[in-house]
Protein backbone atom coordinates (compact mmCIF):
# COMPACT_ATOMS: atom_id res chain seq x y z
CA MET A 1 1.15 -10.50 7.73
CA ASN A 2 4.20 -8.23 8.01
CA LEU A 3 6.47 -8.67 11.03
CA HIS A 4 7.85 -5.54 12.71
CA ILE A 5 11.00 -5.76 14.83
CA VAL A 6 12.95 -3.28 16.92
CA ALA A 7 16.30 -4.45 18.27
CA LEU A 8 18.06 -2.28 20.86
CA PHE A 9 21.85 -2.39 21.21
CA ARG A 10 24.00 -0.64 23.80
CA ILE A 11 27.64 -0.55 22.75
CA LYS A 12 30.67 -0.08 25.01
CA GLU A 13 31.99 3.48 24.75
CA ASN A 14 35.38 2.69 23.24
CA HIS A 15 33.92 0.51 20.47
CA LEU A 16 31.44 2.78 18.69
CA MET A 17 33.29 2.99 15.36
CA GLU A 18 33.81 -0.77 15.31
CA ALA A 19 30.09 -1.27 16.00
CA VAL A 20 29.06 1.09 13.20
CA GLU A 21 31.22 -0.85 10.74
CA LEU A 22 29.65 -4.14 11.84
CA PHE A 23 26.14 -2.64 11.56
CA GLN A 24 26.86 -1.24 8.09
CA LYS A 25 27.90 -4.65 6.77
CA LEU A 26 24.84 -6.27 8.34
CA VAL A 27 22.39 -3.67 6.99
CA TYR A 28 23.87 -3.77 3.50
CA ALA A 29 23.63 -7.57 3.25
CA THR A 30 20.23 -7.86 4.94
CA ARG A 31 18.54 -5.33 2.66
CA LYS A 32 19.24 -7.74 -0.23
CA GLU A 33 17.38 -10.62 1.43
CA SER A 34 14.08 -11.87 0.14
CA GLY A 35 11.21 -10.58 2.28
CA CYS A 36 13.15 -7.68 3.81
CA LEU A 37 10.98 -4.58 3.43
CA GLN A 38 12.92 -2.29 5.77
CA TYR A 39 16.17 -2.62 7.70
CA ASP A 40 17.43 0.65 9.14
CA LEU A 41 20.06 1.51 11.74
CA ILE A 42 19.16 4.40 14.03
CA GLU A 43 21.49 5.99 16.57
CA ASP A 44 19.85 7.44 19.67
CA SER A 45 20.25 11.22 19.62
CA VAL A 46 20.67 11.50 23.40
CA ASN A 47 22.26 8.25 24.60
CA LYS A 48 25.69 7.76 23.02
CA GLY A 49 26.31 4.16 22.03
CA THR A 50 22.63 3.23 21.83
CA PHE A 51 21.47 1.93 18.46
CA PHE A 52 18.20 0.57 17.11
CA LEU A 53 17.66 -1.75 14.19
CA ILE A 54 14.21 -1.09 12.77
CA GLU A 55 13.09 -4.06 10.72
CA LEU A 56 10.07 -4.85 8.60
CA TRP A 57 9.70 -8.32 7.14
CA GLU A 58 7.15 -9.59 4.66
CA SER A 59 6.40 -12.51 7.01
CA LYS A 60 7.57 -14.46 10.06
CA GLU A 61 8.90 -17.08 7.67
CA HIS A 62 11.16 -14.56 5.92
CA HIS A 63 12.54 -13.42 9.26
CA HIS A 64 13.06 -17.02 10.33
CA ILE A 65 15.29 -17.55 7.27
CA HIS A 66 17.15 -14.31 8.07
CA ASP A 67 17.82 -15.56 11.59
CA SER A 68 20.31 -18.13 10.31
CA VAL A 69 22.00 -16.38 7.36
CA GLU A 70 25.77 -16.18 7.46
CA HIS A 71 26.05 -12.39 7.71
CA LEU A 72 23.76 -12.31 10.77
CA VAL A 73 25.60 -15.20 12.44
CA ASP A 74 28.90 -13.37 11.85
CA PHE A 75 27.45 -10.09 13.13
CA ARG A 76 26.24 -11.71 16.36
CA LYS A 77 29.62 -13.33 16.94
CA ASN A 78 31.53 -10.07 16.35
CA ILE A 79 29.20 -7.69 18.21
CA SER A 80 28.88 -9.80 21.37
CA SER A 81 32.19 -8.73 22.91
CA ILE A 82 31.49 -5.00 22.50
CA LEU A 83 27.94 -4.95 23.88
CA GLU A 84 27.39 -3.09 27.14
CA GLU A 85 24.44 -5.40 27.89
CA SER A 86 22.29 -8.01 26.18
CA THR A 87 20.40 -6.94 23.09
CA GLN A 88 16.69 -6.34 23.57
CA VAL A 89 14.44 -7.45 20.72
CA TYR A 90 10.76 -6.60 20.30
CA LYS A 91 8.63 -8.33 17.65
CA GLY A 92 5.06 -7.64 16.72
CA PHE A 93 2.35 -7.18 14.14
CA LYS A 94 0.73 -3.89 13.19
CA ILE A 95 -2.58 -3.50 14.95
CA TYR A 96 -3.78 -0.24 13.52
C-alpha cells in the first residue's frame, strides 16, 4: 500500500534562498531512491517561507529506508538552524 506524506516547513525570513538550495539537493537525490513515486517541493502562495514536501512512497518500508539515507540526514542537520518552528509531518494511506 502506498504511503502519502506531507511535511510542512516554516523557514526564517532571512534564510529562504539557503532553504531552497537545501530542498533542491534533497529533492534531486530523493527522486532517485527506490520506491519514491513522488517527491515535490511546494511553496505556499500566501505565506512567505512556508514550504511543503509532498511525498508518495511505494510502501512504508521504502520510506523507512529513506529515513536514514545520507542526503536526508544531511538535510535535517542543515535545515534545523533556519527553521522558524518544528517541522510538521503527516503520514497516511489513501482511503478513497
